[in-house]
Amino acid sequence: MKNYDLNDDTERMTRKEKPGKQADKPLVVILSFFIVGVITMLMYNNHYTASKISYSVPSAYNDPERTDPTQFILARGSFHPNFWGNGETIIGTVTNLAHHTNYKDIRIKVNFLSQTNSVVSSQEFILYQYVPTGSTKAFTLPIQKPEAAVSCDWTATGGTYY
């Protein structure tokens, strides 16, 4: 027969943990893994959606020197009767004010003006010259002004970039 020591059983009983504590340990471990998993998924999902955002490249830059060359081409000069007296000659210069665009085939619009500075008629000419950035080129245009015109003015209306 075995001898039971009452002190042994009491000691074992006091050393034993409460019955509810033993069941809490696996639950805490499972909850910890669940929380870590959820946090990992959220971080991955945020990274995944952030990497899926498309950073669109802006559409082609519309360079004003190419789209509106009239802002960068300056035409100046004067007009005189030609040698024979039967027409006029415009003697002028074309200046390229652009920073990085070269122009060629400059269009010059000549307006013929009356005594009251009304436009009697207009005519467009093309100067088949290269005008690199920052340069000035001379030109001569023989014109026939209408009878009602006493003077004329002109402006550059465009050019082709190259």
N, C-alpha and C. Protein backbone atom coordinates (compact mmCIF):
# COMPACT_ATOMS: atom_id res chain seq x y z
N MET A 1 0.80 -1.16 0.00
CA MET A 1 0.00 0.00 0.00
C MET A 1 0.86 1.24 0.00
N LYS A 2 0.31 2.21 -0.60
CA LYS A 2 1.06 3.45 -0.70
C LYS A 2 0.70 4.37 0.44
N ASN A 3 1.71 5.03 0.84
CA ASN A 3 1.47 6.05 1.85
C ASN A 3 1.32 7.38 1.14
N TYR A 4 0.24 7.98 1.44
CA TYR A 4 0.01 9.29 0.86
C TYR A 4 0.34 10.35 1.86
N ASP A 5 1.12 11.20 1.40
CA ASP A 5 1.47 12.31 2.26
C ASP A 5 0.56 13.48 1.89
N LEU A 6 -0.09 13.95 2.83
CA LEU A 6 -1.05 15.01 2.61
C LEU A 6 -0.34 16.31 2.21
N ASN A 7 0.82 16.48 2.71
CA ASN A 7 1.57 17.68 2.36
C ASN A 7 1.97 17.68 0.88
N ASP A 8 2.28 16.45 0.37
CA ASP A 8 2.63 16.35 -1.04
C ASP A 8 1.48 16.77 -1.94
N ASP A 9 0.30 16.27 -1.65
CA ASP A 9 -0.86 16.61 -2.48
C ASP A 9 -1.20 18.10 -2.38
N THR A 10 -1.09 18.62 -1.23
CA THR A 10 -1.39 20.03 -1.06
C THR A 10 -0.38 20.88 -1.80
N GLU A 11 0.86 20.41 -1.72
CA GLU A 11 1.91 21.15 -2.43
C GLU A 11 1.69 21.09 -3.93
N ARG A 12 1.32 19.92 -4.42
CA ARG A 12 1.03 19.79 -5.84
C ARG A 12 -0.14 20.65 -6.24
N MET A 13 -1.11 20.71 -5.41
CA MET A 13 -2.29 21.51 -5.70
C MET A 13 -1.95 23.00 -5.74
N THR A 14 -1.08 23.41 -4.87
CA THR A 14 -0.73 24.82 -4.86
C THR A 14 0.19 25.16 -6.01
N ARG A 15 1.03 24.20 -6.45
CA ARG A 15 1.91 24.46 -7.57
C ARG A 15 1.17 24.43 -8.89
N LYS A 16 0.11 23.72 -8.98
CA LYS A 16 -0.65 23.65 -10.22
C LYS A 16 -1.28 25.00 -10.51
N GLU A 17 -1.34 25.27 -11.78
CA GLU A 17 -1.96 26.52 -12.17
C GLU A 17 -3.46 26.35 -12.20
N LYS A 18 -4.11 27.42 -12.25
CA LYS A 18 -5.56 27.37 -12.29
C LYS A 18 -5.98 26.76 -13.60
N PRO A 19 -7.08 26.04 -13.65
CA PRO A 19 -7.50 25.35 -14.86
C PRO A 19 -7.72 26.32 -16.04
N GLY A 20 -8.17 27.54 -15.93
CA GLY A 20 -8.44 28.48 -17.02
C GLY A 20 -7.15 29.01 -17.63
N LYS A 21 -6.09 29.13 -16.92
CA LYS A 21 -4.83 29.68 -17.41
C LYS A 21 -4.21 28.79 -18.46
N GLN A 22 -4.30 27.51 -18.32
CA GLN A 22 -3.71 26.56 -19.27
C GLN A 22 -4.37 26.72 -20.64
N ALA A 23 -5.62 26.96 -20.73
CA ALA A 23 -6.34 27.11 -22.00
C ALA A 23 -6.05 28.47 -22.64
N ASP A 24 -5.66 29.49 -21.90
CA ASP A 24 -5.40 30.84 -22.43
C ASP A 24 -4.13 30.89 -23.25
N LYS A 25 -3.12 30.09 -22.99
CA LYS A 25 -1.85 30.16 -23.69
C LYS A 25 -1.98 29.89 -25.18
N PRO A 26 -2.63 28.83 -25.62
CA PRO A 26 -2.77 28.63 -27.07
C PRO A 26 -3.60 29.74 -27.74
N LEU A 27 -4.57 30.27 -27.03
CA LEU A 27 -5.40 31.34 -27.57
C LEU A 27 -4.56 32.60 -27.79
N VAL A 28 -3.68 32.92 -26.87
CA VAL A 28 -2.81 34.10 -27.00
C VAL A 28 -1.85 33.91 -28.17
N VAL A 29 -1.31 32.71 -28.33
CA VAL A 29 -0.39 32.43 -29.43
C VAL A 29 -1.12 32.56 -30.76
N ILE A 30 -2.31 31.99 -30.84
CA ILE A 30 -3.08 32.05 -32.08
C ILE A 30 -3.45 33.50 -32.41
N LEU A 31 -3.90 34.27 -31.41
CA LEU A 31 -4.24 35.67 -31.64
C LEU A 31 -3.01 36.47 -32.07
N SER A 32 -1.86 36.17 -31.47
CA SER A 32 -0.63 36.87 -31.86
C SER A 32 -0.30 36.61 -33.32
N PHE A 33 -0.36 35.34 -33.74
CA PHE A 33 -0.10 35.03 -35.14
C PHE A 33 -1.11 35.69 -36.05
N PHE A 34 -2.37 35.71 -35.64
CA PHE A 34 -3.41 36.35 -36.44
C PHE A 34 -3.14 37.84 -36.61
N ILE A 35 -2.80 38.52 -35.51
CA ILE A 35 -2.54 39.96 -35.58
C ILE A 35 -1.32 40.25 -36.44
N VAL A 36 -0.25 39.47 -36.29
CA VAL A 36 0.94 39.65 -37.11
C VAL A 36 0.61 39.41 -38.58
N GLY A 37 -0.20 38.39 -38.85
CA GLY A 37 -0.61 38.10 -40.23
C GLY A 37 -1.42 39.23 -40.83
N VAL A 38 -2.34 39.78 -40.07
CA VAL A 38 -3.17 40.88 -40.57
C VAL A 38 -2.30 42.12 -40.85
N ILE A 39 -1.39 42.42 -39.93
CA ILE A 39 -0.51 43.58 -40.13
C ILE A 39 0.37 43.38 -41.36
N THR A 40 0.89 42.16 -41.51
CA THR A 40 1.73 41.87 -42.69
C THR A 40 0.92 42.02 -43.97
N MET A 41 -0.30 41.52 -43.98
CA MET A 41 -1.14 41.63 -45.17
C MET A 41 -1.45 43.09 -45.48
N LEU A 42 -1.74 43.88 -44.45
CA LEU A 42 -2.03 45.29 -44.69
C LEU A 42 -0.82 46.02 -45.25
N MET A 43 0.36 45.72 -44.70
CA MET A 43 1.57 46.37 -45.20
C MET A 43 1.84 45.94 -46.64
N TYR A 44 1.69 44.66 -46.94
CA TYR A 44 1.91 44.16 -48.29
C TYR A 44 0.89 44.76 -49.25
N ASN A 45 -0.37 44.83 -48.82
CA ASN A 45 -1.42 45.37 -49.67
C ASN A 45 -1.16 46.84 -49.96
N ASN A 46 -0.74 47.61 -48.95
CA ASN A 46 -0.43 49.02 -49.19
C ASN A 46 0.74 49.16 -50.14
N HIS A 47 1.75 48.33 -49.96
CA HIS A 47 2.90 48.38 -50.86
C HIS A 47 2.49 47.97 -52.27
N TYR A 48 1.66 46.95 -52.37
CA TYR A 48 1.22 46.45 -53.68
C TYR A 48 0.40 47.51 -54.40
N THR A 49 -0.56 48.14 -53.70
CA THR A 49 -1.37 49.16 -54.37
C THR A 49 -0.54 50.38 -54.69
N ALA A 50 0.43 50.72 -53.84
CA ALA A 50 1.27 51.88 -54.12
C ALA A 50 2.13 51.62 -55.35
N SER A 51 2.58 50.37 -55.52
CA SER A 51 3.40 50.07 -56.69
C SER A 51 2.55 49.98 -57.95
N LYS A 52 1.25 49.77 -57.80
CA LYS A 52 0.36 49.70 -58.96
C LYS A 52 -0.08 51.07 -59.45
N ILE A 53 0.15 52.12 -58.65
CA ILE A 53 -0.25 53.45 -59.08
C ILE A 53 0.59 53.83 -60.28
N SER A 54 -0.07 54.24 -61.33
CA SER A 54 0.67 54.58 -62.54
C SER A 54 1.03 56.05 -62.49
N TYR A 55 2.29 56.29 -62.59
CA TYR A 55 2.77 57.65 -62.66
C TYR A 55 2.86 58.00 -64.13
N SER A 56 1.85 58.69 -64.62
CA SER A 56 1.79 58.97 -66.04
C SER A 56 2.82 60.04 -66.41
N VAL A 57 3.45 59.82 -67.49
CA VAL A 57 4.39 60.79 -68.02
C VAL A 57 3.57 61.90 -68.66
N PRO A 58 3.89 63.14 -68.35
CA PRO A 58 3.10 64.22 -68.95
C PRO A 58 3.11 64.14 -70.47
N SER A 59 2.02 64.58 -71.05
CA SER A 59 1.95 64.55 -72.50
C SER A 59 3.08 65.41 -73.07
N ALA A 60 3.31 65.25 -74.32
CA ALA A 60 4.42 65.95 -74.97
C ALA A 60 4.37 67.44 -74.66
N TYR A 61 5.48 67.96 -74.28
CA TYR A 61 5.59 69.38 -73.95
C TYR A 61 5.41 70.21 -75.22
N ASN A 62 4.51 71.14 -75.15
CA ASN A 62 4.29 72.03 -76.28
C ASN A 62 5.23 73.22 -76.16
N ASP A 63 6.30 73.16 -76.86
CA ASP A 63 7.31 74.20 -76.83
C ASP A 63 6.77 75.44 -77.53
N PRO A 64 6.66 76.57 -76.82
CA PRO A 64 6.11 77.77 -77.47
C PRO A 64 6.96 78.27 -78.64
N GLU A 65 8.25 77.97 -78.61
CA GLU A 65 9.09 78.39 -79.73
C GLU A 65 8.74 77.64 -81.01
N ARG A 66 8.15 76.47 -80.85
CA ARG A 66 7.74 75.70 -82.04
C ARG A 66 6.28 75.90 -82.38
N THR A 67 5.43 76.05 -81.36
CA THR A 67 4.00 76.18 -81.63
C THR A 67 3.59 77.59 -82.06
N ASP A 68 4.31 78.62 -81.59
CA ASP A 68 3.97 79.99 -81.97
C ASP A 68 5.24 80.78 -82.27
N PRO A 69 5.83 80.55 -83.44
CA PRO A 69 7.09 81.23 -83.76
C PRO A 69 6.96 82.74 -83.91
N THR A 70 5.73 83.26 -84.07
CA THR A 70 5.57 84.70 -84.25
C THR A 70 6.05 85.48 -83.03
N GLN A 71 6.06 84.85 -81.86
CA GLN A 71 6.54 85.52 -80.65
C GLN A 71 8.06 85.66 -80.64
N PHE A 72 8.76 84.91 -81.49
CA PHE A 72 10.21 84.84 -81.43
C PHE A 72 10.90 85.31 -82.71
N ILE A 73 10.12 85.75 -83.69
CA ILE A 73 10.69 86.26 -84.94
C ILE A 73 10.31 87.73 -85.07
N LEU A 74 11.32 88.56 -85.21
CA LEU A 74 11.11 90.01 -85.30
C LEU A 74 11.55 90.48 -86.69
N ALA A 75 10.64 91.19 -87.39
CA ALA A 75 10.96 91.74 -88.72
C ALA A 75 10.93 93.26 -88.65
N ARG A 76 12.02 93.88 -89.08
CA ARG A 76 12.13 95.35 -89.07
C ARG A 76 12.69 95.81 -90.40
N GLY A 77 12.64 97.09 -90.63
CA GLY A 77 13.24 97.64 -91.84
C GLY A 77 12.52 98.89 -92.31
N SER A 78 12.72 99.21 -93.59
CA SER A 78 12.10 100.40 -94.18
C SER A 78 11.78 100.09 -95.64
N PHE A 79 10.91 100.93 -96.23
CA PHE A 79 10.62 100.73 -97.64
C PHE A 79 10.91 102.02 -98.40
N HIS A 80 11.34 101.84 -99.63
CA HIS A 80 11.74 102.97 -100.48
C HIS A 80 11.26 102.69 -101.90
N PRO A 81 11.09 103.74 -102.70
CA PRO A 81 10.80 103.50 -104.12
C PRO A 81 11.99 102.80 -104.76
N ASN A 82 11.70 101.92 -105.67
CA ASN A 82 12.81 101.22 -106.33
C ASN A 82 13.52 102.17 -107.31
N PHE A 83 14.57 101.69 -107.88
CA PHE A 83 15.40 102.51 -108.77
C PHE A 83 14.61 103.06 -109.96
N TRP A 84 13.69 102.26 -110.50
CA TRP A 84 12.96 102.66 -111.71
C TRP A 84 11.76 103.53 -111.37
N GLY A 85 11.36 103.57 -110.11
CA GLY A 85 10.22 104.39 -109.73
C GLY A 85 8.88 103.74 -109.98
N ASN A 86 8.86 102.50 -110.38
CA ASN A 86 7.58 101.84 -110.67
C ASN A 86 7.18 100.86 -109.56
N GLY A 87 7.80 100.86 -108.44
CA GLY A 87 7.48 99.95 -107.34
C GLY A 87 8.23 100.36 -106.08
N GLU A 88 8.08 99.57 -105.08
CA GLU A 88 8.72 99.82 -103.80
C GLU A 88 9.61 98.63 -103.45
N THR A 89 10.55 98.88 -102.60
CA THR A 89 11.42 97.81 -102.10
C THR A 89 11.48 97.90 -100.58
N ILE A 90 11.25 96.78 -99.94
CA ILE A 90 11.41 96.72 -98.49
C ILE A 90 12.81 96.18 -98.22
N ILE A 91 13.57 96.93 -97.46
CA ILE A 91 14.90 96.49 -97.04
C ILE A 91 14.83 96.32 -95.53
N GLY A 92 15.01 95.09 -95.07
CA GLY A 92 14.81 94.85 -93.64
C GLY A 92 15.68 93.74 -93.09
N THR A 93 15.41 93.44 -91.85
CA THR A 93 16.10 92.35 -91.15
C THR A 93 15.09 91.47 -90.44
N VAL A 94 15.45 90.21 -90.30
CA VAL A 94 14.67 89.26 -89.52
C VAL A 94 15.58 88.76 -88.40
N THR A 95 15.09 88.85 -87.16
CA THR A 95 15.87 88.43 -86.00
C THR A 95 15.17 87.27 -85.31
N ASN A 96 15.94 86.24 -85.00
CA ASN A 96 15.42 85.08 -84.27
C ASN A 96 15.70 85.30 -82.79
N LEU A 97 14.66 85.53 -82.00
CA LEU A 97 14.78 85.78 -80.56
C LEU A 97 14.61 84.51 -79.73
N ALA A 98 14.43 83.37 -80.37
CA ALA A 98 14.22 82.11 -79.65
C ALA A 98 15.49 81.71 -78.90
N HIS A 99 15.30 80.92 -77.85
CA HIS A 99 16.44 80.47 -77.03
C HIS A 99 17.09 79.21 -77.56
N HIS A 100 16.31 78.35 -78.22
CA HIS A 100 16.86 77.08 -78.66
C HIS A 100 16.30 76.57 -79.99
N THR A 101 15.55 77.38 -80.69
CA THR A 101 14.94 76.92 -81.93
C THR A 101 15.45 77.75 -83.11
N ASN A 102 15.85 77.05 -84.16
CA ASN A 102 16.26 77.70 -85.40
C ASN A 102 15.05 77.74 -86.34
N TYR A 103 14.97 78.80 -87.15
CA TYR A 103 13.85 78.93 -88.09
C TYR A 103 14.37 79.05 -89.51
N LYS A 104 13.50 78.68 -90.43
CA LYS A 104 13.76 78.87 -91.86
C LYS A 104 12.43 79.21 -92.51
N ASP A 105 12.48 79.63 -93.77
CA ASP A 105 11.27 79.93 -94.54
C ASP A 105 10.32 80.85 -93.76
N ILE A 106 10.82 82.00 -93.41
CA ILE A 106 10.06 82.98 -92.61
C ILE A 106 8.98 83.60 -93.48
N ARG A 107 7.76 83.65 -92.95
CA ARG A 107 6.65 84.29 -93.67
C ARG A 107 6.51 85.74 -93.19
N ILE A 108 6.48 86.65 -94.15
CA ILE A 108 6.33 88.08 -93.86
C ILE A 108 5.02 88.55 -94.48
N LYS A 109 4.16 89.14 -93.66
CA LYS A 109 2.90 89.69 -94.17
C LYS A 109 3.06 91.21 -94.28
N VAL A 110 2.83 91.71 -95.49
CA VAL A 110 2.94 93.14 -95.75
C VAL A 110 1.52 93.70 -95.88
N ASN A 111 1.22 94.72 -95.05
CA ASN A 111 -0.06 95.42 -95.12
C ASN A 111 0.16 96.77 -95.80
N PHE A 112 -0.61 97.05 -96.84
CA PHE A 112 -0.54 98.33 -97.54
C PHE A 112 -1.59 99.25 -96.92
N LEU A 113 -1.14 100.45 -96.50
CA LEU A 113 -1.99 101.34 -95.72
C LEU A 113 -2.35 102.60 -96.51
N SER A 114 -3.57 103.09 -96.26
CA SER A 114 -4.03 104.34 -96.87
C SER A 114 -3.56 105.52 -96.03
N GLN A 115 -3.97 106.73 -96.41
CA GLN A 115 -3.60 107.93 -95.64
C GLN A 115 -4.17 107.87 -94.22
N THR A 116 -5.28 107.20 -94.04
CA THR A 116 -5.90 107.10 -92.71
C THR A 116 -5.43 105.85 -91.95
N ASN A 117 -4.39 105.21 -92.42
CA ASN A 117 -3.82 103.98 -91.83
C ASN A 117 -4.78 102.80 -91.86
N SER A 118 -5.72 102.81 -92.79
CA SER A 118 -6.57 101.65 -93.02
C SER A 118 -5.84 100.70 -93.95
N VAL A 119 -6.04 99.41 -93.75
CA VAL A 119 -5.40 98.42 -94.60
C VAL A 119 -6.14 98.36 -95.93
N VAL A 120 -5.42 98.69 -97.00
CA VAL A 120 -5.98 98.66 -98.34
C VAL A 120 -5.92 97.23 -98.87
N SER A 121 -4.79 96.59 -98.71
CA SER A 121 -4.64 95.19 -99.09
C SER A 121 -3.44 94.60 -98.34
N SER A 122 -3.30 93.29 -98.43
CA SER A 122 -2.21 92.58 -97.77
C SER A 122 -1.61 91.58 -98.74
N GLN A 123 -0.36 91.27 -98.50
CA GLN A 123 0.31 90.28 -99.31
C GLN A 123 1.32 89.55 -98.41
N GLU A 124 1.46 88.25 -98.62
CA GLU A 124 2.40 87.48 -97.82
C GLU A 124 3.57 87.00 -98.67
N PHE A 125 4.77 87.11 -98.12
CA PHE A 125 6.00 86.68 -98.79
C PHE A 125 6.70 85.66 -97.91
N ILE A 126 7.48 84.80 -98.55
CA ILE A 126 8.28 83.83 -97.80
C ILE A 126 9.75 84.11 -98.07
N LEU A 127 10.50 84.27 -96.98
CA LEU A 127 11.94 84.47 -97.08
C LEU A 127 12.60 83.10 -96.94
N TYR A 128 13.13 82.60 -98.02
CA TYR A 128 13.76 81.28 -98.00
C TYR A 128 15.19 81.41 -97.49
N GLN A 129 15.31 81.62 -96.18
CA GLN A 129 16.60 81.76 -95.52
C GLN A 129 16.58 80.98 -94.22
N TYR A 130 17.76 80.59 -93.78
CA TYR A 130 17.94 80.00 -92.46
C TYR A 130 18.25 81.12 -91.48
N VAL A 131 17.55 81.12 -90.35
CA VAL A 131 17.80 82.11 -89.31
C VAL A 131 18.05 81.36 -88.00
N PRO A 132 19.31 81.07 -87.70
CA PRO A 132 19.61 80.32 -86.47
C PRO A 132 19.26 81.14 -85.21
N THR A 133 19.24 80.45 -84.09
CA THR A 133 18.93 81.07 -82.80
C THR A 133 19.84 82.27 -82.54
N GLY A 134 19.24 83.38 -82.18
CA GLY A 134 20.00 84.57 -81.81
C GLY A 134 20.62 85.33 -82.97
N SER A 135 20.31 84.99 -84.19
CA SER A 135 20.95 85.67 -85.33
C SER A 135 19.97 86.62 -86.02
N THR A 136 20.53 87.49 -86.84
CA THR A 136 19.75 88.44 -87.63
C THR A 136 20.18 88.31 -89.08
N LYS A 137 19.20 88.21 -89.97
CA LYS A 137 19.47 88.10 -91.41
C LYS A 137 18.80 89.26 -92.14
N ALA A 138 19.49 89.79 -93.14
CA ALA A 138 18.96 90.88 -93.96
C ALA A 138 18.12 90.29 -95.10
N PHE A 139 17.13 91.07 -95.53
CA PHE A 139 16.32 90.65 -96.67
C PHE A 139 15.90 91.87 -97.48
N THR A 140 15.56 91.62 -98.73
CA THR A 140 15.04 92.65 -99.63
C THR A 140 13.82 92.09 -100.33
N LEU A 141 12.72 92.83 -100.28
CA LEU A 141 11.48 92.40 -100.93
C LEU A 141 11.02 93.45 -101.92
N PRO A 142 10.94 93.12 -103.20
CA PRO A 142 10.35 94.05 -104.16
C PRO A 142 8.82 93.91 -104.07
N ILE A 143 8.13 95.02 -103.91
CA ILE A 143 6.67 94.97 -103.78
C ILE A 143 6.04 95.97 -104.75
N GLN A 144 4.81 95.72 -105.09
CA GLN A 144 4.00 96.63 -105.90
C GLN A 144 2.85 97.08 -105.00
N LYS A 145 2.89 98.33 -104.57
CA LYS A 145 1.82 98.77 -103.68
C LYS A 145 0.63 99.26 -104.52
N PRO A 146 -0.57 99.08 -104.00
CA PRO A 146 -1.76 99.55 -104.70
C PRO A 146 -1.80 101.07 -104.79
N GLU A 147 -2.61 101.60 -105.70
CA GLU A 147 -2.72 103.05 -105.92
C GLU A 147 -3.15 103.78 -104.65
N ALA A 148 -4.08 103.21 -103.92
CA ALA A 148 -4.63 103.89 -102.73
C ALA A 148 -3.67 103.85 -101.54
N ALA A 149 -2.65 103.04 -101.62
CA ALA A 149 -1.71 102.90 -100.50
C ALA A 149 -0.64 103.96 -100.54
N VAL A 150 -0.37 104.54 -99.37
CA VAL A 150 0.69 105.54 -99.27
C VAL A 150 1.87 105.01 -98.45
N SER A 151 1.64 103.99 -97.69
CA SER A 151 2.71 103.39 -96.90
C SER A 151 2.41 101.91 -96.68
N CYS A 152 3.30 101.26 -96.00
CA CYS A 152 3.08 99.85 -95.68
C CYS A 152 3.78 99.50 -94.37
N ASP A 153 3.32 98.44 -93.76
CA ASP A 153 4.00 97.87 -92.61
C ASP A 153 4.05 96.37 -92.79
N TRP A 154 4.84 95.70 -92.01
CA TRP A 154 4.99 94.25 -92.16
C TRP A 154 5.30 93.62 -90.81
N THR A 155 5.01 92.36 -90.75
CA THR A 155 5.27 91.59 -89.55
C THR A 155 5.57 90.14 -89.95
N ALA A 156 6.32 89.47 -89.12
CA ALA A 156 6.58 88.05 -89.35
C ALA A 156 5.37 87.26 -88.86
N THR A 157 4.83 86.41 -89.71
CA THR A 157 3.64 85.63 -89.34
C THR A 157 3.95 84.16 -89.12
N GLY A 158 5.19 83.78 -89.20
CA GLY A 158 5.53 82.39 -88.93
C GLY A 158 6.84 81.99 -89.58
N GLY A 159 7.16 80.75 -89.36
CA GLY A 159 8.37 80.17 -89.90
C GLY A 159 8.39 78.69 -89.58
N THR A 160 9.29 78.00 -90.20
CA THR A 160 9.43 76.54 -89.98
C THR A 160 10.66 76.32 -89.13
N TYR A 161 10.50 75.55 -88.05
CA TYR A 161 11.67 75.26 -87.23
C TYR A 161 12.45 74.10 -87.83
N TYR A 162 13.75 74.13 -87.60
CA TYR A 162 14.60 73.05 -88.10
C TYR A 162 15.63 72.71 -87.06
